[in-house]
């Protein structure tokens, strides 16, 4: 798009975010704010965000850190030192948003609570991210992504019938970062009406508990939470992965009688199946899913995965190949972007929302802007 009036373009330009962040959740929120045009100042301890050591794939630096922290500025502060803490206070006196994901109570003990900061900066929005909450017994419990997945029940509905599993990416952190981002945007809109900032508290457990509402409601109102079923569904058939002639697997998800009829007619070459009492409606198909899966599997085994995908696409049956990460890396639908960390270019999946001016493609070295920011926010 050539016309700047079309599409998103630095809608948070002119706003300053100070982010006392580490790991994934808060940095991902900061990345979203930077992508929207905000100036994001990442405050790191003198030894740096420990996420800088997650891997050494980018010529000795972390490729994962590059994904989460491009387009930010980095300042190293020892907030136990009165002079550095004073720098932090001066930055926050001019900031629009303060994000933190330290242990509950940490920012308050440093005199960085929202109420105190708004004495000098009434419009400041604070967003504190924690594992379980900021008060009571919840505040004392240490939390990481995997642990919240287990505590919230997610692992109990993930995996095979024989064994629970964690989701294979940092779902808790990323969902919490997105929730914090959306809450901050709401707070900015409210501030536009009231002129006042507010305090936001985002709990990783609360976020994942909300996302768990489907199995939670099934437990409370539908006779029990769904059992773990791997790539199968807990009440829909045919649904799952089927092996093709070349050994690759193709997944299908048939959601309606119309789709089932099309599958039978155009793919399985069994137009009579929808008239079979065992398969006429989804509850019957699910009750007799073993017999139905055998019919589907026999058909899929006669074709390569590419041939079967072509047949399914032609019949407008929802499908996907069971890809590896290597397959994703070369996927024709994948949009890539390149960022620079140190002297290394890192190619990564682009952010899903396209904007004219996304985050800068440079990842800050540890403390790269420390001296400049100290000078900018001097007493």
Protein backbone atom coordinates (compact mmCIF):
# COMPACT_ATOMS: atom_id res chain seq x y z
CA UNK A 1 0.00 0.00 0.00
CA UNK A 2 1.46 3.34 -1.03
CA UNK A 3 -1.16 5.56 0.60
CA UNK A 4 -0.34 6.11 4.28
CA UNK A 5 -4.04 6.59 4.97
CA UNK A 6 -4.59 2.93 4.16
CA UNK A 7 -3.55 0.51 6.86
CA UNK A 8 -1.82 0.80 10.22
CA UNK A 9 1.07 3.21 10.48
CA UNK A 10 2.74 4.23 13.77
CA UNK A 11 -0.54 4.82 15.57
CA UNK A 12 1.34 5.03 18.90
CA UNK A 13 3.98 7.40 17.53
CA UNK A 14 5.03 9.92 20.17
CA UNK A 15 4.28 7.61 23.10
CA UNK A 16 7.01 6.31 25.38
CA UNK A 17 6.93 2.90 27.03
CA UNK A 18 9.35 2.02 29.81
CA UNK A 19 9.46 -1.75 30.18
CA UNK A 20 11.17 -3.40 33.14
CA UNK A 21 11.03 -6.74 31.41
CA UNK A 22 12.61 -10.15 31.14
CA UNK A 23 11.93 -13.52 29.52
CA UNK A 24 8.96 -13.60 27.09
CA UNK A 25 5.58 -12.25 28.28
CA UNK A 26 6.44 -8.58 28.88
CA UNK A 27 8.98 -8.44 26.02
CA UNK A 28 6.31 -9.74 23.62
CA UNK A 29 3.93 -7.02 24.83
CA UNK A 30 6.72 -4.49 24.30
CA UNK A 31 7.30 -5.81 20.79
CA UNK A 32 3.63 -5.26 19.94
CA UNK A 33 3.82 -1.69 21.29
CA UNK A 34 6.99 -1.02 19.28
CA UNK A 35 5.30 -2.39 16.17
CA UNK A 36 2.52 0.16 16.74
CA UNK A 37 5.08 2.97 16.70
CA UNK A 38 5.75 3.51 20.41
CA UNK A 39 9.22 4.22 21.68
CA UNK A 40 10.02 1.23 23.92
CA UNK A 41 12.85 1.59 26.43
CA UNK A 42 13.87 -1.82 27.72
CA UNK A 43 15.30 -1.62 31.24
CA UNK A 44 17.78 -4.41 31.94
CA UNK A 45 19.79 -5.34 34.98
CA UNK A 46 23.55 -4.81 34.51
CA UNK A 47 24.03 -8.46 33.48
CA UNK A 48 21.13 -8.19 31.05
CA UNK A 49 17.81 -9.92 30.48
CA UNK A 50 18.49 -13.62 31.04
CA UNK A 51 16.68 -14.27 27.75
CA UNK A 52 19.84 -13.01 26.02
CA UNK A 53 21.25 -16.42 26.99
CA UNK A 54 18.37 -18.57 25.76
CA UNK A 55 20.46 -19.68 22.77
CA UNK A 56 23.60 -18.74 20.87
CA UNK A 57 22.32 -19.34 17.35
CA UNK A 58 22.92 -15.83 16.00
CA UNK A 59 26.72 -15.80 15.94
CA UNK A 60 26.83 -16.29 19.70
CA UNK A 61 23.76 -14.19 20.49
CA UNK A 62 20.20 -15.34 21.02
CA UNK A 63 17.96 -15.62 17.97
CA UNK A 64 14.94 -15.92 20.30
CA UNK A 65 15.92 -12.69 22.03
CA UNK A 66 16.13 -11.03 18.61
CA UNK A 67 12.55 -12.09 17.83
CA UNK A 68 11.19 -10.52 21.02
CA UNK A 69 13.25 -7.36 21.33
CA UNK A 70 13.76 -5.79 17.92
CA UNK A 71 12.98 -2.11 17.62
CA UNK A 72 13.63 -1.31 21.29
CA UNK A 73 16.24 0.71 23.16
CA UNK A 74 18.24 -0.89 25.97
CA UNK A 75 19.38 0.79 29.17
CA UNK A 76 21.19 -1.03 31.97
CA UNK A 77 20.19 0.09 35.46
CA UNK A 78 20.92 -1.31 38.89
CA UNK A 79 17.69 -0.35 40.61
CA UNK A 80 19.23 -1.09 44.02
CA UNK A 81 21.53 1.87 43.39
CA UNK A 82 19.87 5.19 44.38
CA UNK A 83 21.28 7.06 41.38
CA UNK A 84 20.05 4.46 38.88
CA UNK A 85 16.68 4.31 40.61
CA UNK A 86 16.46 8.08 40.26
CA UNK A 87 17.06 7.72 36.50
CA UNK A 88 14.21 5.22 36.40
CA UNK A 89 11.92 7.65 38.21
CA UNK A 90 12.80 10.46 35.78
CA UNK A 91 12.06 8.25 32.78
CA UNK A 92 8.72 7.23 34.23
CA UNK A 93 7.84 10.87 34.96
CA UNK A 94 7.78 11.39 31.18
CA UNK A 95 6.47 8.00 30.08
CA UNK A 96 3.01 7.03 28.90
CA UNK A 97 3.19 3.36 29.87
CA UNK A 98 5.18 1.36 32.42
CA UNK A 99 5.29 -2.41 31.88
CA UNK A 100 6.92 -4.82 34.33
CA UNK A 101 7.04 -8.55 34.95
CA UNK A 102 9.20 -8.77 38.04
CA UNK A 103 8.14 -10.77 41.09
CA UNK A 104 4.98 -9.42 42.77
CA UNK A 105 5.73 -6.55 45.12
CA UNK A 106 9.14 -5.78 43.61
CA UNK A 107 8.22 -2.52 41.87
CA UNK A 108 6.26 -1.28 44.89
CA UNK A 109 9.25 -1.88 47.17
CA UNK A 110 11.32 0.33 44.85
CA UNK A 111 8.75 3.12 45.05
CA UNK A 112 7.55 2.42 41.51
CA UNK A 113 3.90 1.70 42.28
CA UNK A 114 1.32 3.33 40.04
CA UNK A 115 -0.26 5.60 42.65
CA UNK A 116 3.12 6.98 43.68
CA UNK A 117 4.30 7.50 40.10
CA UNK A 118 1.09 9.29 39.11
CA UNK A 119 1.76 12.04 41.64
CA UNK A 120 4.29 13.38 39.11
CA UNK A 121 2.76 11.85 35.98
CA UNK A 122 -1.05 11.64 36.27
CA UNK A 123 -1.50 10.04 32.86
CA UNK A 124 0.86 7.13 33.44
CA UNK A 125 -0.54 3.66 32.73
CA UNK A 126 1.15 0.82 34.59
CA UNK A 127 0.85 -2.84 33.63
CA UNK A 128 2.19 -5.46 36.02
CA UNK A 129 2.43 -9.03 34.74
CA UNK A 130 2.67 -11.87 37.24
CA UNK A 131 2.26 -15.62 37.41
CA UNK A 132 -0.78 -15.87 39.68
CA UNK A 133 -1.54 -12.37 40.95
CA UNK A 134 -0.11 -9.55 43.01
CA UNK A 135 -1.50 -10.38 46.47
CA UNK A 136 -2.09 -13.17 48.96
CA UNK A 137 -0.83 -16.71 48.54
CA UNK A 138 -0.89 -16.35 44.74
CA UNK A 139 1.80 -13.67 44.85
CA UNK A 140 4.22 -16.02 46.64
CA UNK A 141 4.12 -18.80 44.06
CA UNK A 142 6.87 -18.75 41.43
CA UNK A 143 5.68 -19.22 37.87
CA UNK A 144 6.98 -20.11 34.43
CA UNK A 145 5.10 -20.86 31.22
CA UNK A 146 5.22 -24.64 31.53
CA UNK A 147 4.17 -24.57 35.19
CA UNK A 148 1.11 -22.43 34.42
CA UNK A 149 0.18 -24.83 31.61
CA UNK A 150 0.14 -27.62 34.20
CA UNK A 151 -1.52 -25.65 37.01
CA UNK A 152 -4.33 -24.39 34.75
CA UNK A 153 -5.22 -27.88 33.51
CA UNK A 154 -4.01 -27.30 29.95
CA UNK A 155 -1.62 -30.25 30.07
CA UNK A 156 -4.47 -32.51 31.17
CA UNK A 157 -6.30 -31.95 27.87
CA UNK A 158 -3.16 -31.92 25.69
CA UNK A 159 -1.31 -34.97 24.47
CA UNK A 160 -2.22 -38.57 23.77
CA UNK A 161 -4.65 -40.78 25.64
CA UNK A 162 -1.68 -42.34 27.41
CA UNK A 163 0.19 -39.23 28.47
CA UNK A 164 -0.38 -35.50 29.09
CA UNK A 165 1.88 -32.99 27.34
CA UNK A 166 2.78 -29.34 27.35
CA UNK A 167 1.96 -27.22 24.35
CA UNK A 168 5.20 -27.10 22.37
CA UNK A 169 5.64 -23.33 22.50
CA UNK A 170 5.37 -20.63 25.16
CA UNK A 171 1.60 -20.34 24.91
CA UNK A 172 1.18 -18.88 28.41
CA UNK A 173 3.76 -16.16 27.89
CA UNK A 174 2.55 -15.20 24.43
CA UNK A 175 -1.14 -15.13 25.35
CA UNK A 176 -0.31 -13.03 28.41
CA UNK A 177 1.76 -10.62 26.35
CA UNK A 178 -1.10 -10.19 23.89
CA UNK A 179 -3.60 -9.71 26.72
CA UNK A 180 -1.37 -7.04 28.29
CA UNK A 181 -1.03 -5.30 24.91
CA UNK A 182 -4.80 -5.19 24.40
CA UNK A 183 -5.40 -3.97 27.96
CA UNK A 184 -2.86 -1.17 27.50
CA UNK A 185 -4.57 -0.06 24.30
CA UNK A 186 -7.91 0.06 26.14
CA UNK A 187 -6.29 2.07 28.94
CA UNK A 188 -4.86 4.55 26.42
CA UNK A 189 -8.31 5.04 24.92
CA UNK A 190 -9.76 5.59 28.40
CA UNK A 191 -6.98 8.04 29.23
CA UNK A 192 -7.95 9.98 26.12
CA UNK A 193 -11.35 10.55 27.74
CA UNK A 194 -10.35 11.02 31.37
CA UNK A 195 -6.79 12.32 31.22
CA UNK A 196 -5.85 9.83 33.95
CA UNK A 197 -3.71 6.73 33.88
CA UNK A 198 -4.61 3.50 35.67
CA UNK A 199 -2.98 0.38 37.05
CA UNK A 200 -3.40 -2.88 35.16
CA UNK A 201 -2.62 -6.29 36.64
CA UNK A 202 -2.36 -9.29 34.32
CA UNK A 203 -1.99 -12.78 35.75
CA UNK A 204 -0.66 -15.54 33.50
CA UNK A 205 -2.91 -18.01 35.32
CA UNK A 206 -5.99 -15.83 34.73
CA UNK A 207 -5.20 -15.57 31.03
CA UNK A 208 -4.81 -19.30 30.54
CA UNK A 209 -7.81 -20.08 32.75
CA UNK A 210 -9.93 -17.93 30.43
CA UNK A 211 -8.54 -19.76 27.40
CA UNK A 212 -9.43 -23.04 29.16
CA UNK A 213 -13.14 -22.19 29.25
CA UNK A 214 -14.11 -24.78 26.64
CA UNK A 215 -12.93 -27.79 28.68
CA UNK A 216 -13.89 -26.03 31.93
CA UNK A 217 -17.48 -25.58 30.78
CA UNK A 218 -17.54 -29.15 29.51
CA UNK A 219 -16.53 -30.27 33.01
CA UNK A 220 -19.14 -28.12 34.73
CA UNK A 221 -22.11 -28.49 32.39
CA UNK A 222 -21.54 -31.28 29.85
CA UNK A 223 -20.68 -34.31 31.91
CA UNK A 224 -16.92 -33.97 32.01
CA UNK A 225 -13.90 -32.43 30.35
CA UNK A 226 -12.85 -33.99 27.04
CA UNK A 227 -10.30 -36.76 27.26
CA UNK A 228 -6.90 -36.30 25.65
CA UNK A 229 -7.14 -37.50 22.08
CA UNK A 230 -3.92 -36.54 20.33
CA UNK A 231 -4.83 -35.41 16.81
CA UNK A 232 -8.38 -36.70 17.14
CA UNK A 233 -11.38 -34.64 18.24
CA UNK A 234 -13.45 -35.24 21.34
CA UNK A 235 -16.81 -35.18 19.52
CA UNK A 236 -16.33 -34.67 15.75
CA UNK A 237 -15.72 -37.34 13.07
CA UNK A 238 -14.08 -37.78 10.67
CA UNK A 239 -11.32 -35.67 12.17
CA UNK A 240 -7.62 -36.35 12.48
CA UNK A 241 -4.47 -37.36 10.64
CA UNK A 242 -4.41 -40.08 8.02
CA UNK A 243 -1.30 -41.59 6.43
CA UNK A 244 -0.87 -41.35 2.68
CA UNK A 245 0.95 -43.63 0.26
CA UNK A 246 4.25 -41.75 0.65
CA UNK A 247 4.16 -41.95 4.45
CA UNK A 248 3.19 -38.30 4.95
CA UNK A 249 0.09 -37.51 6.98
CA UNK A 250 -2.81 -35.29 5.98
CA UNK A 251 -5.34 -33.95 8.48
CA UNK A 252 -9.02 -33.37 7.80
CA UNK A 253 -11.73 -31.68 9.82
CA UNK A 254 -15.29 -32.38 8.64
CA UNK A 255 -17.67 -30.08 10.50
CA UNK A 256 -21.05 -30.53 8.80
CA UNK A 257 -23.26 -33.01 6.95
CA UNK A 258 -22.71 -31.04 3.75
CA UNK A 259 -18.94 -31.39 4.04
CA UNK A 260 -19.25 -35.07 4.87
CA UNK A 261 -21.36 -35.65 1.77
CA UNK A 262 -18.77 -33.86 -0.37
CA UNK A 263 -15.97 -35.93 1.17
CA UNK A 264 -17.83 -39.16 0.45
CA UNK A 265 -18.79 -38.18 -3.08
CA UNK A 266 -15.65 -36.46 -4.35
CA UNK A 267 -12.81 -37.97 -2.33
CA UNK A 268 -13.78 -41.35 -0.89
CA UNK A 269 -15.86 -42.31 -3.95
CA UNK A 270 -18.47 -43.64 -1.54
CA UNK A 271 -21.57 -41.48 -2.19
CA UNK A 272 -23.79 -43.94 -0.29
CA UNK A 273 -22.13 -43.39 3.08
CA UNK A 274 -24.25 -40.41 4.21
CA UNK A 275 -27.32 -42.68 3.92
CA UNK A 276 -25.77 -45.27 6.22
CA UNK A 277 -27.46 -44.91 9.65
CA UNK A 278 -24.03 -45.17 11.28
CA UNK A 279 -22.82 -42.05 9.47
CA UNK A 280 -25.92 -39.93 8.80
CA UNK A 281 -25.26 -37.33 11.55
CA UNK A 282 -22.16 -36.29 13.43
CA UNK A 283 -23.12 -37.99 16.75
CA UNK A 284 -23.58 -41.26 14.85
CA UNK A 285 -20.34 -40.74 12.91
CA UNK A 286 -18.50 -40.14 16.15
CA UNK A 287 -20.03 -43.20 17.82
CA UNK A 288 -18.86 -45.30 14.86
CA UNK A 289 -15.64 -43.39 14.26
CA UNK A 290 -13.42 -46.48 14.19
CA UNK A 291 -15.29 -47.90 11.21
CA UNK A 292 -15.40 -44.51 9.50
CA UNK A 293 -11.72 -43.84 10.12
CA UNK A 294 -10.87 -47.18 8.55
CA UNK A 295 -12.72 -46.19 5.36
CA UNK A 296 -10.95 -42.83 5.24
CA UNK A 297 -7.56 -44.38 5.98
CA UNK A 298 -7.97 -46.94 3.19
CA UNK A 299 -8.67 -44.16 0.69
CA UNK A 300 -5.82 -41.89 1.82
CA UNK A 301 -3.34 -44.79 1.61
CA UNK A 302 -3.89 -44.98 -2.15
CA UNK A 303 -2.56 -41.46 -2.85
CA UNK A 304 0.46 -39.34 -2.05
CA UNK A 305 -0.05 -36.46 0.34
CA UNK A 306 0.15 -33.92 -2.50
CA UNK A 307 -2.45 -35.82 -4.50
CA UNK A 308 -4.77 -36.10 -1.51
CA UNK A 309 -4.48 -32.40 -0.67
CA UNK A 310 -5.42 -31.58 -4.26
CA UNK A 311 -8.49 -33.82 -4.01
CA UNK A 312 -9.54 -32.34 -0.67
CA UNK A 313 -9.04 -28.76 -1.86
CA UNK A 314 -11.10 -29.47 -4.97
CA UNK A 315 -13.90 -30.81 -2.76
CA UNK A 316 -13.52 -27.81 -0.38
CA UNK A 317 -12.76 -30.08 2.56
CA UNK A 318 -10.68 -28.39 5.28
CA UNK A 319 -7.29 -30.07 5.41
CA UNK A 320 -3.67 -29.58 6.36
CA UNK A 321 -0.43 -31.47 6.09
CA UNK A 322 1.26 -32.59 9.30
CA UNK A 323 4.31 -30.43 8.79
CA UNK A 324 7.57 -30.28 10.65
CA UNK A 325 9.24 -27.03 11.67
CA UNK A 326 11.53 -27.56 8.68
CA UNK A 327 8.43 -27.71 6.48
CA UNK A 328 7.19 -24.46 8.02
CA UNK A 329 10.54 -22.82 7.30
CA UNK A 330 10.02 -23.44 3.58
CA UNK A 331 6.22 -23.02 3.53
CA UNK A 332 4.95 -21.03 0.55
CA UNK A 333 2.47 -19.15 2.77
CA UNK A 334 5.11 -18.04 5.29
CA UNK A 335 5.97 -14.33 5.38
CA UNK A 336 9.47 -13.67 6.66
CA UNK A 337 11.23 -10.60 7.96
CA UNK A 338 14.90 -10.06 8.74
CA UNK A 339 16.30 -8.47 11.89
CA UNK A 340 19.85 -7.75 12.88
CA UNK A 341 21.41 -8.68 16.20
CA UNK A 342 25.06 -7.81 16.48
CA UNK A 343 26.58 -8.65 13.10
CA UNK A 344 24.08 -11.41 12.35
CA UNK A 345 20.92 -11.27 10.24
CA UNK A 346 18.10 -13.39 11.66
CA UNK A 347 15.24 -14.45 9.38
CA UNK A 348 12.03 -14.96 11.33
CA UNK A 349 8.29 -15.20 10.76
CA UNK A 350 6.82 -11.74 10.27
CA UNK A 351 4.28 -10.31 12.68
CA UNK A 352 0.74 -11.26 11.62
CA UNK A 353 -0.63 -7.70 11.48
CA UNK A 354 1.02 -5.76 8.68
CA UNK A 355 1.82 -2.10 9.22
CA UNK A 356 3.60 0.52 7.15
CA UNK A 357 6.32 1.03 9.71
CA UNK A 358 6.81 -1.93 11.99
CA UNK A 359 9.45 -2.22 14.67
CA UNK A 360 12.97 -1.28 13.73
CA UNK A 361 14.89 -4.24 12.45
CA UNK A 362 17.79 -3.67 14.85
CA UNK A 363 18.04 -5.53 18.15
CA UNK A 364 19.75 -3.44 20.84
CA UNK A 365 23.00 -4.67 22.29
CA UNK A 366 22.98 -4.84 26.07
CA UNK A 367 22.89 -1.26 27.33
CA UNK A 368 23.36 0.20 23.86
CA UNK A 369 21.45 3.37 24.75
CA UNK A 370 22.46 3.60 28.42
CA UNK A 371 24.63 6.69 28.14
CA UNK A 372 22.28 8.48 25.75
CA UNK A 373 19.27 7.80 27.97
CA UNK A 374 21.12 8.84 31.13
CA UNK A 375 21.89 12.12 29.42
CA UNK A 376 18.34 12.55 28.15
CA UNK A 377 16.84 11.93 31.58
CA UNK A 378 19.46 13.60 33.75
CA UNK A 379 18.42 15.52 36.83
